[in-house]
C-alpha atoms as a PDB file:
ATOM      1  CA  UNK A   1      34.712   9.303  -8.060  1.00  0.00           C
ATOM      2  CA  UNK A   2      33.776   6.454 -10.392  1.00  0.00           C
ATOM      3  CA  UNK A   3      34.178   2.879  -9.255  1.00  0.00           C
ATOM      4  CA  UNK A   4      33.839  -0.267 -11.347  1.00  0.00           C
ATOM      5  CA  UNK A   5      32.997  -3.126  -8.970  1.00  0.00           C
ATOM      6  CA  UNK A   6      31.894  -6.724  -9.486  1.00  0.00           C
ATOM      7  CA  UNK A   7      29.128  -7.939  -7.198  1.00  0.00           C
ATOM      8  CA  UNK A   8      31.491 -10.393  -5.529  1.00  0.00           C
ATOM      9  CA  UNK A   9      33.693  -7.466  -4.464  1.00  0.00           C
ATOM     10  CA  UNK A  10      30.964  -5.196  -3.092  1.00  0.00           C
ATOM     11  CA  UNK A  11      31.584  -6.381   0.489  1.00  0.00           C
ATOM     12  CA  UNK A  12      34.906  -4.525   0.345  1.00  0.00           C
ATOM     13  CA  UNK A  13      32.845  -1.303   0.248  1.00  0.00           C
ATOM     14  CA  UNK A  14      30.154  -1.839   2.914  1.00  0.00           C
ATOM     15  CA  UNK A  15      28.886   1.753   3.066  1.00  0.00           C
ATOM     16  CA  UNK A  16      28.796   2.094  -0.718  1.00  0.00           C
ATOM     17  CA  UNK A  17      27.010  -1.258  -1.053  1.00  0.00           C
ATOM     18  CA  UNK A  18      24.442  -0.489   1.649  1.00  0.00           C
ATOM     19  CA  UNK A  19      23.575   2.968   0.339  1.00  0.00           C
ATOM     20  CA  UNK A  20      23.385   1.801  -3.284  1.00  0.00           C
ATOM     21  CA  UNK A  21      20.811  -0.898  -2.573  1.00  0.00           C
ATOM     22  CA  UNK A  22      18.887   1.423  -0.219  1.00  0.00           C
ATOM     23  CA  UNK A  23      18.818   4.135  -2.877  1.00  0.00           C
ATOM     24  CA  UNK A  24      17.496   1.572  -5.341  1.00  0.00           C
ATOM     25  CA  UNK A  25      14.640   0.890  -2.908  1.00  0.00           C
ATOM     26  CA  UNK A  26      13.905   4.602  -2.654  1.00  0.00           C
ATOM     27  CA  UNK A  27      13.901   5.065  -6.435  1.00  0.00           C
ATOM     28  CA  UNK A  28      12.271   1.916  -7.746  1.00  0.00           C
ATOM     29  CA  UNK A  29       9.835   0.965  -4.971  1.00  0.00           C
ATOM     30  CA  UNK A  30       9.030   4.216  -3.205  1.00  0.00           C
ATOM     31  CA  UNK A  31       9.160   6.750  -6.032  1.00  0.00           C
ATOM     32  CA  UNK A  32       8.419   4.764  -9.191  1.00  0.00           C
ATOM     33  CA  UNK A  33       6.141   2.175  -7.528  1.00  0.00           C
ATOM     34  CA  UNK A  34       7.776  -0.773  -9.282  1.00  0.00           C
ATOM     35  CA  UNK A  35       6.975  -4.262  -8.050  1.00  0.00           C
ATOM     36  CA  UNK A  36      10.449  -5.044  -6.713  1.00  0.00           C
ATOM     37  CA  UNK A  37      11.854  -7.201  -3.922  1.00  0.00           C
ATOM     38  CA  UNK A  38      13.239  -5.469  -0.852  1.00  0.00           C
ATOM     39  CA  UNK A  39      14.984  -7.516   1.844  1.00  0.00           C
ATOM     40  CA  UNK A  40      15.100  -7.050   5.613  1.00  0.00           C
ATOM     41  CA  UNK A  41      18.034  -4.644   5.266  1.00  0.00           C
ATOM     42  CA  UNK A  42      15.990  -2.329   3.050  1.00  0.00           C
ATOM     43  CA  UNK A  43      17.969  -3.382  -0.034  1.00  0.00           C
ATOM     44  CA  UNK A  44      16.311  -3.635  -3.454  1.00  0.00           C
ATOM     45  CA  UNK A  45      17.866  -6.615  -5.177  1.00  0.00           C
ATOM     46  CA  UNK A  46      16.853  -9.101  -7.850  1.00  0.00           C
ATOM     47  CA  UNK A  47      18.116 -12.315  -9.390  1.00  0.00           C
ATOM     48  CA  UNK A  48      20.547 -10.470 -11.664  1.00  0.00           C
ATOM     49  CA  UNK A  49      22.430  -9.037  -8.699  1.00  0.00           C
ATOM     50  CA  UNK A  50      23.169 -12.657  -7.761  1.00  0.00           C
ATOM     51  CA  UNK A  51      25.056 -13.537 -10.972  1.00  0.00           C
ATOM     52  CA  UNK A  52      28.048 -11.269 -10.465  1.00  0.00           C
ATOM     53  CA  UNK A  53      27.200  -8.219 -12.570  1.00  0.00           C
ATOM     54  CA  UNK A  54      29.634  -5.349 -12.933  1.00  0.00           C
ATOM     55  CA  UNK A  55      28.458  -2.090 -11.338  1.00  0.00           C
ATOM     56  CA  UNK A  56      29.541   1.366 -12.423  1.00  0.00           C
ATOM     57  CA  UNK A  57      29.071   3.524  -9.330  1.00  0.00           C
ATOM     58  CA  UNK A  58      29.536   7.177  -8.542  1.00  0.00           C
ATOM     59  CA  UNK A  59      30.924   7.305  -5.009  1.00  0.00           C
ATOM     60  CA  UNK A  60      30.410  10.523  -3.066  1.00  0.00           C
ATOM     61  CA  UNK A  61      33.245  12.078  -1.079  1.00  0.00           C
ATOM     62  CA  UNK A  62      31.844  10.539   2.123  1.00  0.00           C
ATOM     63  CA  UNK A  63      31.845   7.026   0.647  1.00  0.00           C
ATOM     64  CA  UNK A  64      28.112   6.855  -0.015  1.00  0.00           C
ATOM     65  CA  UNK A  65      26.325   6.039  -3.261  1.00  0.00           C
ATOM     66  CA  UNK A  66      25.597   8.895  -5.642  1.00  0.00           C
ATOM     67  CA  UNK A  67      24.402   6.893  -8.632  1.00  0.00           C
ATOM     68  CA  UNK A  68      24.950   3.574 -10.369  1.00  0.00           C
ATOM     69  CA  UNK A  69      24.285   1.251 -13.285  1.00  0.00           C
ATOM     70  CA  UNK A  70      24.479  -2.547 -13.555  1.00  0.00           C
ATOM     71  CA  UNK A  71      26.041  -4.393 -16.496  1.00  0.00           C
ATOM     72  CA  UNK A  72      25.857  -8.009 -17.661  1.00  0.00           C
ATOM     73  CA  UNK A  73      27.029  -9.707 -20.872  1.00  0.00           C
ATOM     74  CA  UNK A  74      24.108 -10.688 -23.080  1.00  0.00           C
ATOM     75  CA  UNK A  75      25.689 -14.116 -23.618  1.00  0.00           C
ATOM     76  CA  UNK A  76      24.201 -15.062 -20.226  1.00  0.00           C
ATOM     77  CA  UNK A  77      20.976 -14.318 -18.387  1.00  0.00           C
ATOM     78  CA  UNK A  78      19.696 -10.758 -18.810  1.00  0.00           C
ATOM     79  CA  UNK A  79      16.561  -8.881 -17.894  1.00  0.00           C
ATOM     80  CA  UNK A  80      15.897  -7.736 -21.451  1.00  0.00           C
ATOM     81  CA  UNK A  81      15.892 -11.294 -22.831  1.00  0.00           C
ATOM     82  CA  UNK A  82      14.137 -12.911 -19.894  1.00  0.00           C
ATOM     83  CA  UNK A  83      11.349 -10.349 -19.431  1.00  0.00           C
ATOM     84  CA  UNK A  84      11.170  -7.943 -22.374  1.00  0.00           C
ATOM     85  CA  UNK A  85      11.762  -9.997 -25.518  1.00  0.00           C
ATOM     86  CA  UNK A  86       8.099  -9.408 -26.433  1.00  0.00           C
ATOM     87  CA  UNK A  87       9.079  -5.800 -27.174  1.00  0.00           C
ATOM     88  CA  UNK A  88      11.446  -7.144 -29.830  1.00  0.00           C
ATOM     89  CA  UNK A  89       9.032  -9.618 -31.436  1.00  0.00           C
ATOM     90  CA  UNK A  90      10.488 -12.447 -29.370  1.00  0.00           C
ATOM     91  CA  UNK A  91      14.037 -11.945 -30.649  1.00  0.00           C
ATOM     92  CA  UNK A  92      16.770 -12.192 -28.008  1.00  0.00           C
ATOM     93  CA  UNK A  93      19.786  -9.902 -27.963  1.00  0.00           C
ATOM     94  CA  UNK A  94      22.832 -12.157 -27.524  1.00  0.00           C
ATOM     95  CA  UNK A  95      26.349 -11.128 -28.487  1.00  0.00           C
ATOM     96  CA  UNK A  96      29.734 -10.982 -26.734  1.00  0.00           C
ATOM     97  CA  UNK A  97      29.968  -7.432 -28.101  1.00  0.00           C
ATOM     98  CA  UNK A  98      26.719  -6.241 -26.471  1.00  0.00           C
ATOM     99  CA  UNK A  99      26.171  -5.891 -22.729  1.00  0.00           C
ATOM    100  CA  UNK A 100      22.957  -5.126 -20.901  1.00  0.00           C
ATOM    101  CA  UNK A 101      22.676  -2.004 -18.762  1.00  0.00           C
ATOM    102  CA  UNK A 102      19.977  -1.970 -16.063  1.00  0.00           C
ATOM    103  CA  UNK A 103      19.058  -0.445 -12.693  1.00  0.00           C
ATOM    104  CA  UNK A 104      20.128   3.100 -13.534  1.00  0.00           C
ATOM    105  CA  UNK A 105      19.726   4.702 -10.119  1.00  0.00           C
ATOM    106  CA  UNK A 106      20.429   8.124  -8.645  1.00  0.00           C
ATOM    107  CA  UNK A 107      20.626   8.887  -4.940  1.00  0.00           C
ATOM    108  CA  UNK A 108      17.811  11.207  -3.789  1.00  0.00           C
ATOM    109  CA  UNK A 109      20.323  14.007  -3.229  1.00  0.00           C
ATOM    110  CA  UNK A 110      22.577  13.214  -6.200  1.00  0.00           C
ATOM    111  CA  UNK A 111      24.530  16.068  -7.758  1.00  0.00           C
ATOM    112  CA  UNK A 112      23.431  17.077 -11.254  1.00  0.00           C
ATOM    113  CA  UNK A 113      26.760  15.842 -12.605  1.00  0.00           C
ATOM    114  CA  UNK A 114      26.162  12.206 -11.631  1.00  0.00           C
ATOM    115  CA  UNK A 115      24.135  11.135 -14.675  1.00  0.00           C
ATOM    116  CA  UNK A 116      26.832  12.437 -17.011  1.00  0.00           C
ATOM    117  CA  UNK A 117      29.524  10.836 -14.860  1.00  0.00           C
ATOM    118  CA  UNK A 118      27.840   7.452 -15.202  1.00  0.00           C
ATOM    119  CA  UNK A 119      27.586   7.885 -18.973  1.00  0.00           C
ATOM    120  CA  UNK A 120      31.338   8.500 -19.097  1.00  0.00           C
ATOM    121  CA  UNK A 121      31.858   5.428 -16.925  1.00  0.00           C
ATOM    122  CA  UNK A 122      29.822   3.381 -19.361  1.00  0.00           C
ATOM    123  CA  UNK A 123      31.911   4.700 -22.249  1.00  0.00           C
ATOM    124  CA  UNK A 124      35.084   3.527 -20.471  1.00  0.00           C
ATOM    125  CA  UNK A 125      33.520   0.119 -20.033  1.00  0.00           C
ATOM    126  CA  UNK A 126      32.625  -0.022 -23.716  1.00  0.00           C
ATOM    127  CA  UNK A 127      36.108   0.996 -24.832  1.00  0.00           C
ATOM    128  CA  UNK A 128      38.135  -1.174 -22.450  1.00  0.00           C
ATOM    129  CA  UNK A 129      36.002  -4.299 -22.877  1.00  0.00           C
ATOM    130  CA  UNK A 130      35.909  -3.822 -26.681  1.00  0.00           C
ATOM    131  CA  UNK A 131      32.111  -3.628 -26.735  1.00  0.00           C
ATOM    132  CA  UNK A 132      30.052  -2.301 -29.602  1.00  0.00           C
ATOM    133  CA  UNK A 133      26.775  -1.510 -27.856  1.00  0.00           C
ATOM    134  CA  UNK A 134      24.722  -1.598 -24.666  1.00  0.00           C
ATOM    135  CA  UNK A 135      21.123  -2.738 -24.578  1.00  0.00           C
ATOM    136  CA  UNK A 136      18.609  -1.656 -21.980  1.00  0.00           C
ATOM    137  CA  UNK A 137      15.003  -0.928 -21.094  1.00  0.00           C
ATOM    138  CA  UNK A 138      13.960   2.663 -20.465  1.00  0.00           C
ATOM    139  CA  UNK A 139      10.960   4.912 -19.937  1.00  0.00           C
ATOM    140  CA  UNK A 140      10.251   8.294 -21.592  1.00  0.00           C
ATOM    141  CA  UNK A 141      11.853  10.182 -18.694  1.00  0.00           C
ATOM    142  CA  UNK A 142      15.174   8.422 -19.130  1.00  0.00           C
ATOM    143  CA  UNK A 143      14.998   8.760 -22.898  1.00  0.00           C
ATOM    144  CA  UNK A 144      14.724  12.542 -22.488  1.00  0.00           C
ATOM    145  CA  UNK A 145      17.725  12.579 -20.161  1.00  0.00           C
ATOM    146  CA  UNK A 146      19.822  10.554 -22.601  1.00  0.00           C
ATOM    147  CA  UNK A 147      18.808  12.869 -25.431  1.00  0.00           C
ATOM    148  CA  UNK A 148      19.942  15.936 -23.488  1.00  0.00           C
ATOM    149  CA  UNK A 149      23.361  14.329 -23.112  1.00  0.00           C
ATOM    150  CA  UNK A 150      23.557  13.427 -26.797  1.00  0.00           C
ATOM    151  CA  UNK A 151      23.448   9.664 -26.175  1.00  0.00           C
ATOM    152  CA  UNK A 152      19.906   8.863 -27.290  1.00  0.00           C
ATOM    153  CA  UNK A 153      19.331   5.134 -27.837  1.00  0.00           C
ATOM    154  CA  UNK A 154      18.366   3.451 -31.068  1.00  0.00           C
ATOM    155  CA  UNK A 155      14.874   2.230 -30.181  1.00  0.00           C
ATOM    156  CA  UNK A 156      14.223  -1.367 -31.254  1.00  0.00           C
ATOM    157  CA  UNK A 157      10.907  -1.907 -29.491  1.00  0.00           C
ATOM    158  CA  UNK A 158       8.175  -0.039 -27.609  1.00  0.00           C
ATOM    159  CA  UNK A 159       4.929  -0.756 -25.791  1.00  0.00           C
ATOM    160  CA  UNK A 160       2.411   1.244 -23.764  1.00  0.00           C
ATOM    161  CA  UNK A 161       1.496   4.907 -23.760  1.00  0.00           C
ATOM    162  CA  UNK A 162       2.242   7.976 -21.659  1.00  0.00           C
ATOM    163  CA  UNK A 163       3.811   7.251 -18.295  1.00  0.00           C
ATOM    164  CA  UNK A 164       3.295   3.530 -18.905  1.00  0.00           C
ATOM    165  CA  UNK A 165       5.377   3.524 -22.093  1.00  0.00           C
ATOM    166  CA  UNK A 166       8.494   1.386 -22.054  1.00  0.00           C
ATOM    167  CA  UNK A 167      11.131   0.849 -24.696  1.00  0.00           C
ATOM    168  CA  UNK A 168      14.157  -1.268 -25.479  1.00  0.00           C
ATOM    169  CA  UNK A 169      17.131   0.408 -27.096  1.00  0.00           C
ATOM    170  CA  UNK A 170      20.722  -0.034 -28.192  1.00  0.00           C
ATOM    171  CA  UNK A 171      23.401   2.515 -27.305  1.00  0.00           C
ATOM    172  CA  UNK A 172      26.640   3.459 -28.950  1.00  0.00           C
ATOM    173  CA  UNK A 173      28.785   6.220 -27.495  1.00  0.00           C
ATOM    174  CA  UNK A 174      29.013   8.987 -30.072  1.00  0.00           C
ATOM    175  CA  UNK A 175      32.354  10.702 -29.493  1.00  0.00           C
ATOM    176  CA  UNK A 176      30.871  13.956 -30.736  1.00  0.00           C
ATOM    177  CA  UNK A 177      28.805  13.996 -27.526  1.00  0.00           C
ATOM    178  CA  UNK A 178      31.877  13.712 -25.292  1.00  0.00           C
ATOM    179  CA  UNK A 179      32.540  17.468 -24.781  1.00  0.00           C
ATOM    180  CA  UNK A 180      28.932  18.006 -23.671  1.00  0.00           C
ATOM    181  CA  UNK A 181      28.977  15.015 -21.317  1.00  0.00           C
ATOM    182  CA  UNK A 182      32.385  15.921 -19.858  1.00  0.00           C
ATOM    183  CA  UNK A 183      31.232  19.490 -19.238  1.00  0.00           C
ATOM    184  CA  UNK A 184      28.237  18.219 -17.254  1.00  0.00           C
ATOM    185  CA  UNK A 185      30.287  15.588 -15.410  1.00  0.00           C
ATOM    186  CA  UNK A 186      33.066  18.083 -14.590  1.00  0.00           C
ATOM    187  CA  UNK A 187      35.881  15.682 -15.453  1.00  0.00           C
ATOM    188  CA  UNK A 188      37.528  14.489 -18.640  1.00  0.00           C
ATOM    189  CA  UNK A 189      38.490  11.191 -20.267  1.00  0.00           C
ATOM    190  CA  UNK A 190      41.920  11.128 -18.616  1.00  0.00           C
ATOM    191  CA  UNK A 191      40.286  11.167 -15.189  1.00  0.00           C
ATOM    192  CA  UNK A 192      37.748   8.510 -16.188  1.00  0.00           C
ATOM    193  CA  UNK A 193      40.565   6.296 -17.488  1.00  0.00           C
ATOM    194  CA  UNK A 194      42.475   6.738 -14.221  1.00  0.00           C
ATOM    195  CA  UNK A 195      39.460   5.645 -12.199  1.00  0.00           C
ATOM    196  CA  UNK A 196      38.962   2.645 -14.473  1.00  0.00           C
ATOM    197  CA  UNK A 197      42.584   1.552 -14.065  1.00  0.00           C
ATOM    198  CA  UNK A 198      42.365   2.025 -10.312  1.00  0.00           C
ATOM    199  CA  UNK A 199      39.285  -0.207 -10.158  1.00  0.00           C
ATOM    200  CA  UNK A 200      40.934  -3.014 -12.099  1.00  0.00           C
ATOM    201  CA  UNK A 201      44.262  -3.211 -10.320  1.00  0.00           C
ATOM    202  CA  UNK A 202      43.247  -6.310  -8.353  1.00  0.00           C
ATOM    203  CA  UNK A 203      44.241  -9.684  -9.932  1.00  0.00           C
ATOM    204  CA  UNK A 204      40.795 -11.199  -9.363  1.00  0.00           C
ATOM    205  CA  UNK A 205      39.073  -8.344 -11.124  1.00  0.00           C
ATOM    206  CA  UNK A 206      41.370  -8.669 -14.118  1.00  0.00           C
ATOM    207  CA  UNK A 207      40.632 -12.386 -14.389  1.00  0.00           C
ATOM    208  CA  UNK A 208      36.917 -11.752 -14.129  1.00  0.00           C
ATOM    209  CA  UNK A 209      37.126  -9.141 -16.858  1.00  0.00           C
ATOM    210  CA  UNK A 210      38.923 -11.590 -19.145  1.00  0.00           C
ATOM    211  CA  UNK A 211      36.267 -14.240 -18.503  1.00  0.00           C
ATOM    212  CA  UNK A 212      33.533 -11.754 -19.420  1.00  0.00           C
ATOM    213  CA  UNK A 213      35.318 -11.102 -22.686  1.00  0.00           C
ATOM    214  CA  UNK A 214      35.424 -14.738 -23.767  1.00  0.00           C
ATOM    215  CA  UNK A 215      33.288 -15.693 -26.736  1.00  0.00           C
ATOM    216  CA  UNK A 216      31.339 -18.939 -26.188  1.00  0.00           C
ATOM    217  CA  UNK A 217      32.262 -21.832 -28.479  1.00  0.00           C
END
């Protein structure tokens, strides 16, 4: 199932939390050889996990992590502005209608449906938070995956070549891609909406969502 969880609420799901951060270690440090920080628990975490991001997580039937993405409003600190603005000629992406998506992670044994499930989760986030776009950094491998699902980003900056290439892109969710994504995810919009509502039935989470929606003066 899909869960939408703020960082401050992750302790309510100890197994899901533990396996998500361990899977991030496996993917980003062990497999992709990124220079990331791993704590004594084997958790890959960075400074953006400490500022209460919203995670979209696929939870397996046994309560473990199947895949996840991390979202932050671009009106605050974001990875793309803090570390990758050079790919956009030094221009920051800041808008209450654009959120950053980072740390796309799949468990080593993730079902093939999980990537599509996360895309549908992101589309629910976009619709229910009245967002226009997501911004994120990606490599050629992820760009190919997005293209297969019909959600290829609009590239606004690139650097490097081959396996070292990295890009920054903006995403909309093209509704014409929905049938293809739902077929891969093996659930439809009604189910995704039900999971979204279930995740936001706690008063604190609703308040947090409203605060994220506020436009700075």
